[in-house]
Amino acid sequence: MRPWERWADLVTSKGIFRTLFSLSGAIAATGFGLLVVLVVLDILVRNLGLAKWPWLNELTEYLLTISTFGGAPWVLRQAAHVNVDIMLRIVPPWANALLMRLSYALGLAISVIVTWLAVTAALDSFNSGSVIFKNLMFPEWWMMVPVIWCFALCSLEFLLRALSGIKS
């Protein structure tokens, strides 16, 4: 076993990386659970004529964003994403391994680029003091945090897969 494969095996099965990916799944589950509860409560409260919550639609949009970006690394880690493997079934094993590593490298490149773009956008927003001003008001850069979280963890997962040859 090569040194980077030992390292990849260690960090994928134990420690902080496992915790980060588990946290990612927990963020998604909590967010989607809250989304369901809030929508049901909103329908109930509106139909009973008890109250109107004009901020709720906006909050559900943010929860959907946070939950989706929060859960994507966990889904990738669990190999629970959609995987089109028609080509992989018809090529010889050596080509299969090559195509998998190429897909990991492409996923890594895209994830690193999006992470970089999200970080620069968040820093620009922070430095300019931009604020989202609707029913709820908060710094604009806050909405870039889930994007950074998502693609940074996806970058890590693709890197580990590329180095160790893990199949999804």
N, C-alpha and C. Protein backbone atom coordinates (compact mmCIF):
# COMPACT_ATOMS: atom_id res chain seq x y z
N MET A 1 0.86 -1.19 0.00
CA MET A 1 0.00 0.00 0.00
C MET A 1 0.90 1.24 0.00
N ARG A 2 0.61 2.15 -0.92
CA ARG A 2 1.39 3.39 -1.02
C ARG A 2 1.04 4.32 0.15
N PRO A 3 1.97 5.21 0.53
CA PRO A 3 1.75 6.09 1.69
C PRO A 3 0.45 6.90 1.60
N TRP A 4 0.14 7.46 0.43
CA TRP A 4 -1.07 8.27 0.33
C TRP A 4 -2.33 7.42 0.43
N GLU A 5 -2.22 6.13 0.04
CA GLU A 5 -3.37 5.24 0.19
C GLU A 5 -3.62 4.94 1.67
N ARG A 6 -2.52 4.77 2.43
CA ARG A 6 -2.67 4.55 3.87
C ARG A 6 -3.30 5.77 4.53
N TRP A 7 -2.83 6.96 4.13
CA TRP A 7 -3.37 8.20 4.68
C TRP A 7 -4.84 8.34 4.30
N ALA A 8 -5.17 8.08 3.04
CA ALA A 8 -6.55 8.19 2.58
C ALA A 8 -7.43 7.21 3.33
N ASP A 9 -6.93 5.99 3.57
CA ASP A 9 -7.70 4.99 4.30
C ASP A 9 -7.95 5.45 5.73
N LEU A 10 -6.93 6.03 6.35
CA LEU A 10 -7.06 6.51 7.73
C LEU A 10 -8.09 7.62 7.83
N VAL A 11 -8.00 8.62 6.97
CA VAL A 11 -8.90 9.76 7.10
C VAL A 11 -10.31 9.47 6.62
N THR A 12 -10.48 8.45 5.78
CA THR A 12 -11.84 8.16 5.33
C THR A 12 -12.60 7.32 6.34
N SER A 13 -11.92 6.57 7.16
CA SER A 13 -12.62 5.69 8.08
C SER A 13 -12.69 6.20 9.51
N LYS A 14 -11.85 7.15 9.87
CA LYS A 14 -11.79 7.61 11.25
C LYS A 14 -11.62 9.12 11.31
N GLY A 15 -11.79 9.64 12.49
CA GLY A 15 -11.36 10.99 12.78
C GLY A 15 -12.22 12.13 12.26
N ILE A 16 -11.53 13.24 12.04
CA ILE A 16 -12.21 14.50 11.78
C ILE A 16 -12.98 14.49 10.46
N PHE A 17 -12.44 13.83 9.43
CA PHE A 17 -13.12 13.84 8.15
C PHE A 17 -14.43 13.08 8.22
N ARG A 18 -14.42 11.97 8.91
CA ARG A 18 -15.67 11.21 9.10
C ARG A 18 -16.69 12.08 9.84
N THR A 19 -16.23 12.78 10.85
CA THR A 19 -17.10 13.67 11.62
C THR A 19 -17.65 14.79 10.75
N LEU A 20 -16.80 15.41 9.92
CA LEU A 20 -17.26 16.48 9.04
C LEU A 20 -18.32 16.00 8.05
N PHE A 21 -18.10 14.83 7.47
CA PHE A 21 -19.07 14.32 6.51
C PHE A 21 -20.36 13.90 7.22
N SER A 22 -20.26 13.35 8.42
CA SER A 22 -21.46 13.03 9.20
C SER A 22 -22.23 14.29 9.57
N LEU A 23 -21.49 15.33 9.95
CA LEU A 23 -22.12 16.61 10.25
C LEU A 23 -22.84 17.16 9.03
N SER A 24 -22.25 16.97 7.88
CA SER A 24 -22.87 17.41 6.63
C SER A 24 -24.22 16.74 6.43
N GLY A 25 -24.27 15.44 6.65
CA GLY A 25 -25.54 14.72 6.53
C GLY A 25 -26.54 15.17 7.59
N ALA A 26 -26.06 15.43 8.79
CA ALA A 26 -26.95 15.89 9.87
C ALA A 26 -27.52 17.27 9.56
N ILE A 27 -26.70 18.14 8.97
CA ILE A 27 -27.19 19.47 8.57
C ILE A 27 -28.32 19.34 7.56
N ALA A 28 -28.13 18.48 6.58
CA ALA A 28 -29.16 18.27 5.56
C ALA A 28 -30.43 17.70 6.17
N ALA A 29 -30.30 16.68 6.99
CA ALA A 29 -31.48 16.06 7.59
C ALA A 29 -32.24 17.04 8.47
N THR A 30 -31.50 17.81 9.26
CA THR A 30 -32.14 18.80 10.13
C THR A 30 -32.84 19.87 9.31
N GLY A 31 -32.15 20.36 8.29
CA GLY A 31 -32.73 21.40 7.44
C GLY A 31 -33.99 20.94 6.72
N PHE A 32 -33.95 19.74 6.14
CA PHE A 32 -35.12 19.24 5.44
C PHE A 32 -36.26 18.93 6.42
N GLY A 33 -35.90 18.45 7.62
CA GLY A 33 -36.91 18.22 8.64
C GLY A 33 -37.58 19.52 9.07
N LEU A 34 -36.80 20.56 9.30
CA LEU A 34 -37.35 21.87 9.65
C LEU A 34 -38.22 22.42 8.53
N LEU A 35 -37.80 22.20 7.31
CA LEU A 35 -38.56 22.65 6.14
C LEU A 35 -39.95 22.03 6.15
N VAL A 36 -40.03 20.75 6.39
CA VAL A 36 -41.33 20.06 6.43
C VAL A 36 -42.20 20.62 7.56
N VAL A 37 -41.62 20.75 8.75
CA VAL A 37 -42.38 21.25 9.90
C VAL A 37 -42.88 22.67 9.64
N LEU A 38 -42.02 23.53 9.13
CA LEU A 38 -42.40 24.93 8.89
C LEU A 38 -43.48 25.07 7.82
N VAL A 39 -43.40 24.29 6.77
CA VAL A 39 -44.42 24.36 5.72
C VAL A 39 -45.76 23.87 6.25
N VAL A 40 -45.76 22.77 6.98
CA VAL A 40 -47.00 22.26 7.56
C VAL A 40 -47.59 23.27 8.54
N LEU A 41 -46.76 23.85 9.40
CA LEU A 41 -47.24 24.86 10.34
C LEU A 41 -47.80 26.08 9.62
N ASP A 42 -47.13 26.51 8.57
CA ASP A 42 -47.59 27.66 7.81
C ASP A 42 -48.97 27.40 7.20
N ILE A 43 -49.13 26.25 6.61
CA ILE A 43 -50.43 25.90 6.00
C ILE A 43 -51.50 25.85 7.08
N LEU A 44 -51.21 25.23 8.19
CA LEU A 44 -52.17 25.12 9.28
C LEU A 44 -52.54 26.49 9.83
N VAL A 45 -51.57 27.31 10.12
CA VAL A 45 -51.81 28.63 10.70
C VAL A 45 -52.56 29.54 9.73
N ARG A 46 -52.20 29.49 8.45
CA ARG A 46 -52.88 30.33 7.45
C ARG A 46 -54.32 29.88 7.25
N ASN A 47 -54.54 28.57 7.17
CA ASN A 47 -55.89 28.07 6.93
C ASN A 47 -56.81 28.28 8.13
N LEU A 48 -56.26 28.33 9.30
CA LEU A 48 -57.06 28.61 10.50
C LEU A 48 -57.21 30.12 10.73
N GLY A 49 -56.54 30.91 9.91
CA GLY A 49 -56.63 32.36 10.03
C GLY A 49 -55.97 32.92 11.27
N LEU A 50 -55.02 32.18 11.82
CA LEU A 50 -54.37 32.62 13.06
C LEU A 50 -53.28 33.66 12.82
N ALA A 51 -52.55 33.51 11.75
CA ALA A 51 -51.44 34.44 11.49
C ALA A 51 -50.95 34.28 10.06
N LYS A 52 -50.19 35.26 9.64
CA LYS A 52 -49.46 35.18 8.37
C LYS A 52 -48.00 35.41 8.69
N TRP A 53 -47.17 34.58 8.14
CA TRP A 53 -45.74 34.69 8.37
C TRP A 53 -45.07 35.05 7.06
N PRO A 54 -44.94 36.34 6.75
CA PRO A 54 -44.38 36.73 5.46
C PRO A 54 -42.91 36.33 5.28
N TRP A 55 -42.22 36.11 6.35
CA TRP A 55 -40.81 35.76 6.32
C TRP A 55 -40.58 34.28 6.06
N LEU A 56 -41.65 33.46 6.18
CA LEU A 56 -41.49 32.01 6.12
C LEU A 56 -41.08 31.52 4.74
N ASN A 57 -41.64 32.10 3.69
CA ASN A 57 -41.27 31.70 2.34
C ASN A 57 -39.78 31.90 2.11
N GLU A 58 -39.28 33.04 2.55
CA GLU A 58 -37.86 33.35 2.42
C GLU A 58 -37.01 32.38 3.24
N LEU A 59 -37.45 32.10 4.47
CA LEU A 59 -36.71 31.18 5.33
C LEU A 59 -36.64 29.79 4.70
N THR A 60 -37.73 29.33 4.10
CA THR A 60 -37.71 28.01 3.46
C THR A 60 -36.76 27.98 2.27
N GLU A 61 -36.65 29.08 1.55
CA GLU A 61 -35.67 29.14 0.45
C GLU A 61 -34.25 28.99 0.98
N TYR A 62 -33.95 29.67 2.07
CA TYR A 62 -32.61 29.57 2.65
C TYR A 62 -32.36 28.18 3.22
N LEU A 63 -33.37 27.60 3.86
CA LEU A 63 -33.23 26.25 4.40
C LEU A 63 -32.99 25.23 3.28
N LEU A 64 -33.67 25.41 2.17
CA LEU A 64 -33.48 24.51 1.04
C LEU A 64 -32.05 24.61 0.51
N THR A 65 -31.54 25.82 0.41
CA THR A 65 -30.16 26.03 -0.04
C THR A 65 -29.17 25.41 0.93
N ILE A 66 -29.33 25.69 2.20
CA ILE A 66 -28.42 25.17 3.22
C ILE A 66 -28.46 23.65 3.27
N SER A 67 -29.66 23.09 3.21
CA SER A 67 -29.80 21.64 3.29
C SER A 67 -29.21 20.94 2.07
N THR A 68 -29.44 21.51 0.89
CA THR A 68 -28.92 20.90 -0.33
C THR A 68 -27.40 20.94 -0.37
N PHE A 69 -26.83 22.11 -0.14
CA PHE A 69 -25.38 22.22 -0.15
C PHE A 69 -24.77 21.51 1.05
N GLY A 70 -25.48 21.49 2.16
CA GLY A 70 -24.97 20.78 3.34
C GLY A 70 -24.93 19.29 3.14
N GLY A 71 -25.92 18.75 2.44
CA GLY A 71 -26.01 17.30 2.28
C GLY A 71 -25.23 16.71 1.13
N ALA A 72 -24.87 17.52 0.15
CA ALA A 72 -24.18 17.00 -1.04
C ALA A 72 -22.88 16.24 -0.72
N PRO A 73 -22.02 16.75 0.17
CA PRO A 73 -20.81 15.99 0.47
C PRO A 73 -21.11 14.64 1.12
N TRP A 74 -22.10 14.61 1.98
CA TRP A 74 -22.48 13.35 2.63
C TRP A 74 -22.99 12.35 1.60
N VAL A 75 -23.82 12.83 0.67
CA VAL A 75 -24.34 11.96 -0.38
C VAL A 75 -23.19 11.41 -1.23
N LEU A 76 -22.24 12.27 -1.59
CA LEU A 76 -21.07 11.83 -2.36
C LEU A 76 -20.28 10.79 -1.58
N ARG A 77 -20.07 11.06 -0.32
CA ARG A 77 -19.30 10.16 0.55
C ARG A 77 -19.95 8.79 0.67
N GLN A 78 -21.29 8.77 0.74
CA GLN A 78 -22.04 7.52 0.87
C GLN A 78 -22.23 6.83 -0.48
N ALA A 79 -21.81 7.47 -1.55
CA ALA A 79 -22.02 6.97 -2.92
C ALA A 79 -23.51 6.78 -3.17
N ALA A 80 -24.30 7.70 -2.64
CA ALA A 80 -25.76 7.63 -2.78
C ALA A 80 -26.26 8.54 -3.90
N HIS A 81 -25.35 9.11 -4.65
CA HIS A 81 -25.70 10.00 -5.75
C HIS A 81 -26.06 9.18 -6.99
N VAL A 82 -26.62 9.83 -7.97
CA VAL A 82 -26.93 9.18 -9.23
C VAL A 82 -25.60 8.87 -9.92
N ASN A 83 -25.46 7.63 -10.36
CA ASN A 83 -24.22 7.19 -10.97
C ASN A 83 -24.55 6.48 -12.28
N VAL A 84 -24.23 7.09 -13.39
CA VAL A 84 -24.47 6.48 -14.69
C VAL A 84 -23.24 5.65 -15.05
N ASP A 85 -23.38 4.35 -14.97
CA ASP A 85 -22.22 3.48 -15.16
C ASP A 85 -22.35 2.56 -16.37
N ILE A 86 -23.12 2.95 -17.34
CA ILE A 86 -23.30 2.12 -18.53
C ILE A 86 -21.95 1.87 -19.21
N MET A 87 -21.18 2.93 -19.39
CA MET A 87 -19.88 2.81 -20.05
C MET A 87 -18.94 1.92 -19.23
N LEU A 88 -19.00 2.05 -17.92
CA LEU A 88 -18.09 1.28 -17.06
C LEU A 88 -18.36 -0.22 -17.13
N ARG A 89 -19.57 -0.59 -17.50
CA ARG A 89 -19.92 -2.02 -17.58
C ARG A 89 -19.39 -2.69 -18.85
N ILE A 90 -19.11 -1.89 -19.87
CA ILE A 90 -18.72 -2.50 -21.15
C ILE A 90 -17.23 -2.41 -21.44
N VAL A 91 -16.49 -1.67 -20.62
CA VAL A 91 -15.05 -1.55 -20.85
C VAL A 91 -14.29 -2.54 -19.97
N PRO A 92 -13.07 -2.89 -20.37
CA PRO A 92 -12.28 -3.80 -19.54
C PRO A 92 -11.94 -3.16 -18.19
N PRO A 93 -11.58 -3.98 -17.20
CA PRO A 93 -11.30 -3.46 -15.85
C PRO A 93 -10.26 -2.34 -15.80
N TRP A 94 -9.20 -2.43 -16.60
CA TRP A 94 -8.18 -1.38 -16.58
C TRP A 94 -8.75 -0.05 -17.06
N ALA A 95 -9.62 -0.09 -18.07
CA ALA A 95 -10.24 1.13 -18.58
C ALA A 95 -11.26 1.66 -17.57
N ASN A 96 -11.93 0.76 -16.91
CA ASN A 96 -12.88 1.15 -15.86
C ASN A 96 -12.16 1.94 -14.78
N ALA A 97 -11.03 1.41 -14.32
CA ALA A 97 -10.26 2.09 -13.27
C ALA A 97 -9.77 3.45 -13.75
N LEU A 98 -9.32 3.51 -14.99
CA LEU A 98 -8.85 4.77 -15.56
C LEU A 98 -9.98 5.80 -15.65
N LEU A 99 -11.13 5.37 -16.14
CA LEU A 99 -12.27 6.28 -16.25
C LEU A 99 -12.73 6.78 -14.88
N MET A 100 -12.70 5.90 -13.89
CA MET A 100 -13.08 6.31 -12.53
C MET A 100 -12.11 7.36 -12.00
N ARG A 101 -10.81 7.13 -12.18
CA ARG A 101 -9.83 8.11 -11.69
C ARG A 101 -9.96 9.44 -12.44
N LEU A 102 -10.23 9.36 -13.74
CA LEU A 102 -10.44 10.59 -14.52
C LEU A 102 -11.67 11.34 -14.02
N SER A 103 -12.73 10.61 -13.70
CA SER A 103 -13.94 11.28 -13.19
C SER A 103 -13.68 11.91 -11.83
N TYR A 104 -12.86 11.24 -11.01
CA TYR A 104 -12.51 11.83 -9.71
C TYR A 104 -11.67 13.09 -9.90
N ALA A 105 -10.74 13.04 -10.85
CA ALA A 105 -9.91 14.22 -11.12
C ALA A 105 -10.76 15.38 -11.64
N LEU A 106 -11.71 15.08 -12.52
CA LEU A 106 -12.60 16.13 -13.02
C LEU A 106 -13.48 16.68 -11.90
N GLY A 107 -14.02 15.79 -11.06
CA GLY A 107 -14.80 16.24 -9.91
C GLY A 107 -13.99 17.10 -8.96
N LEU A 108 -12.74 16.72 -8.75
CA LEU A 108 -11.83 17.49 -7.90
C LEU A 108 -11.59 18.87 -8.50
N ALA A 109 -11.28 18.92 -9.79
CA ALA A 109 -11.01 20.21 -10.44
C ALA A 109 -12.22 21.14 -10.35
N ILE A 110 -13.38 20.62 -10.66
CA ILE A 110 -14.60 21.44 -10.63
C ILE A 110 -14.88 21.90 -9.20
N SER A 111 -14.75 20.99 -8.24
CA SER A 111 -15.03 21.34 -6.84
C SER A 111 -14.06 22.39 -6.32
N VAL A 112 -12.79 22.27 -6.67
CA VAL A 112 -11.80 23.26 -6.23
C VAL A 112 -12.10 24.62 -6.85
N ILE A 113 -12.45 24.64 -8.13
CA ILE A 113 -12.77 25.91 -8.80
C ILE A 113 -13.98 26.57 -8.15
N VAL A 114 -15.03 25.79 -7.92
CA VAL A 114 -16.24 26.37 -7.32
C VAL A 114 -15.97 26.83 -5.89
N THR A 115 -15.16 26.06 -5.14
CA THR A 115 -14.78 26.49 -3.78
C THR A 115 -14.06 27.84 -3.85
N TRP A 116 -13.11 27.96 -4.75
CA TRP A 116 -12.35 29.21 -4.89
C TRP A 116 -13.28 30.36 -5.26
N LEU A 117 -14.17 30.14 -6.22
CA LEU A 117 -15.10 31.19 -6.62
C LEU A 117 -16.02 31.60 -5.47
N ALA A 118 -16.47 30.62 -4.70
CA ALA A 118 -17.36 30.91 -3.57
C ALA A 118 -16.62 31.68 -2.48
N VAL A 119 -15.38 31.30 -2.22
CA VAL A 119 -14.58 32.02 -1.22
C VAL A 119 -14.36 33.46 -1.65
N THR A 120 -13.99 33.67 -2.92
CA THR A 120 -13.76 35.05 -3.39
C THR A 120 -15.06 35.86 -3.37
N ALA A 121 -16.19 35.24 -3.72
CA ALA A 121 -17.47 35.94 -3.67
C ALA A 121 -17.83 36.30 -2.23
N ALA A 122 -17.59 35.36 -1.30
CA ALA A 122 -17.89 35.62 0.11
C ALA A 122 -17.00 36.75 0.65
N LEU A 123 -15.74 36.73 0.29
CA LEU A 123 -14.83 37.79 0.75
C LEU A 123 -15.21 39.15 0.16
N ASP A 124 -15.56 39.17 -1.12
CA ASP A 124 -16.02 40.42 -1.74
C ASP A 124 -17.26 40.95 -1.04
N SER A 125 -18.19 40.05 -0.76
CA SER A 125 -19.43 40.44 -0.09
C SER A 125 -19.15 40.94 1.33
N PHE A 126 -18.26 40.24 2.02
CA PHE A 126 -17.90 40.65 3.39
C PHE A 126 -17.23 42.02 3.38
N ASN A 127 -16.27 42.19 2.48
CA ASN A 127 -15.54 43.46 2.42
C ASN A 127 -16.41 44.63 2.00
N SER A 128 -17.40 44.38 1.17
CA SER A 128 -18.28 45.47 0.74
C SER A 128 -19.43 45.71 1.73
N GLY A 129 -19.62 44.79 2.66
CA GLY A 129 -20.69 44.94 3.64
C GLY A 129 -22.07 44.70 3.07
N SER A 130 -22.15 43.92 1.99
CA SER A 130 -23.44 43.64 1.36
C SER A 130 -24.38 42.92 2.32
N VAL A 131 -25.65 43.32 2.24
CA VAL A 131 -26.67 42.74 3.11
C VAL A 131 -27.84 42.27 2.25
N ILE A 132 -28.37 41.08 2.58
CA ILE A 132 -29.60 40.64 1.95
C ILE A 132 -30.72 41.35 2.70
N PHE A 133 -31.51 42.07 1.96
CA PHE A 133 -32.54 42.92 2.56
C PHE A 133 -33.89 42.55 1.95
N LYS A 134 -34.56 41.61 2.58
CA LYS A 134 -35.93 41.22 2.18
C LYS A 134 -36.75 41.30 3.46
N ASN A 135 -37.50 40.24 3.75
CA ASN A 135 -38.19 40.18 5.04
C ASN A 135 -37.18 39.96 6.16
N LEU A 136 -36.18 39.16 5.86
CA LEU A 136 -35.08 38.91 6.80
C LEU A 136 -33.86 39.68 6.31
N MET A 137 -33.09 40.18 7.24
CA MET A 137 -31.87 40.91 6.88
C MET A 137 -30.67 40.22 7.53
N PHE A 138 -29.65 39.97 6.72
CA PHE A 138 -28.41 39.40 7.22
C PHE A 138 -27.32 39.61 6.18
N PRO A 139 -26.06 39.49 6.59
CA PRO A 139 -24.95 39.68 5.64
C PRO A 139 -25.04 38.68 4.48
N GLU A 140 -24.80 39.19 3.30
CA GLU A 140 -24.92 38.36 2.10
C GLU A 140 -23.93 37.18 2.10
N TRP A 141 -22.76 37.38 2.67
CA TRP A 141 -21.75 36.33 2.64
C TRP A 141 -22.18 35.07 3.39
N TRP A 142 -23.13 35.20 4.30
CA TRP A 142 -23.61 34.03 5.03
C TRP A 142 -24.13 32.95 4.09
N MET A 143 -24.73 33.35 2.99
CA MET A 143 -25.29 32.37 2.05
C MET A 143 -24.21 31.70 1.20
N MET A 144 -22.99 32.19 1.27
CA MET A 144 -21.89 31.54 0.56
C MET A 144 -21.23 30.46 1.41
N VAL A 145 -21.46 30.50 2.72
CA VAL A 145 -20.84 29.51 3.60
C VAL A 145 -21.25 28.08 3.24
N PRO A 146 -22.55 27.78 3.00
CA PRO A 146 -22.90 26.41 2.61
C PRO A 146 -22.25 25.97 1.29
N VAL A 147 -22.07 26.89 0.37
CA VAL A 147 -21.44 26.57 -0.92
C VAL A 147 -19.97 26.22 -0.69
N ILE A 148 -19.30 27.02 0.13
CA ILE A 148 -17.89 26.76 0.45
C ILE A 148 -17.75 25.42 1.16
N TRP A 149 -18.60 25.20 2.16
CA TRP A 149 -18.61 23.93 2.91
C TRP A 149 -18.77 22.76 1.97
N CYS A 150 -19.78 22.84 1.11
CA CYS A 150 -20.10 21.76 0.18
C CYS A 150 -18.93 21.42 -0.73
N PHE A 151 -18.45 22.40 -1.43
CA PHE A 151 -17.45 22.11 -2.45
C PHE A 151 -16.06 21.86 -1.86
N ALA A 152 -15.78 22.39 -0.68
CA ALA A 152 -14.51 22.06 -0.02
C ALA A 152 -14.51 20.59 0.39
N LEU A 153 -15.61 20.13 0.98
CA LEU A 153 -15.68 18.72 1.37
C LEU A 153 -15.74 17.80 0.15
N CYS A 154 -16.44 18.22 -0.89
CA CYS A 154 -16.46 17.41 -2.12
C CYS A 154 -15.07 17.34 -2.73
N SER A 155 -14.31 18.44 -2.67
CA SER A 155 -12.93 18.43 -3.15
C SER A 155 -12.11 17.40 -2.39
N LEU A 156 -12.26 17.40 -1.08
CA LEU A 156 -11.53 16.44 -0.25
C LEU A 156 -11.91 15.01 -0.62
N GLU A 157 -13.19 14.75 -0.78
CA GLU A 157 -13.63 13.40 -1.11
C GLU A 157 -13.11 12.96 -2.48
N PHE A 158 -13.18 13.85 -3.47
CA PHE A 158 -12.65 13.50 -4.79
C PHE A 158 -11.14 13.28 -4.75
N LEU A 159 -10.42 14.08 -3.97
CA LEU A 159 -8.98 13.89 -3.82
C LEU A 159 -8.67 12.54 -3.23
N LEU A 160 -9.36 12.18 -2.16
CA LEU A 160 -9.13 10.89 -1.51
C LEU A 160 -9.46 9.75 -2.46
N ARG A 161 -10.53 9.88 -3.22
CA ARG A 161 -10.88 8.83 -4.17
C ARG A 161 -9.85 8.72 -5.29
N ALA A 162 -9.37 9.85 -5.77
CA ALA A 162 -8.38 9.84 -6.85
C ALA A 162 -7.08 9.19 -6.37
N LEU A 163 -6.69 9.48 -5.14
CA LEU A 163 -5.45 8.92 -4.61
C LEU A 163 -5.56 7.44 -4.27
N SER A 164 -6.70 7.02 -3.77
CA SER A 164 -6.83 5.65 -3.31
C SER A 164 -7.56 4.74 -4.28
N GLY A 165 -8.22 5.33 -5.28
CA GLY A 165 -8.94 4.50 -6.25
C GLY A 165 -10.25 3.96 -5.72
N ILE A 166 -10.82 4.60 -4.70
CA ILE A 166 -12.10 4.16 -4.15
C ILE A 166 -13.15 4.22 -5.26
N LYS A 167 -13.97 3.17 -5.36
CA LYS A 167 -15.04 3.18 -6.35
C LYS A 167 -16.33 3.65 -5.69
N SER A 168 -17.11 4.40 -6.44
CA SER A 168 -18.41 4.82 -5.88
C SER A 168 -19.47 3.85 -6.30
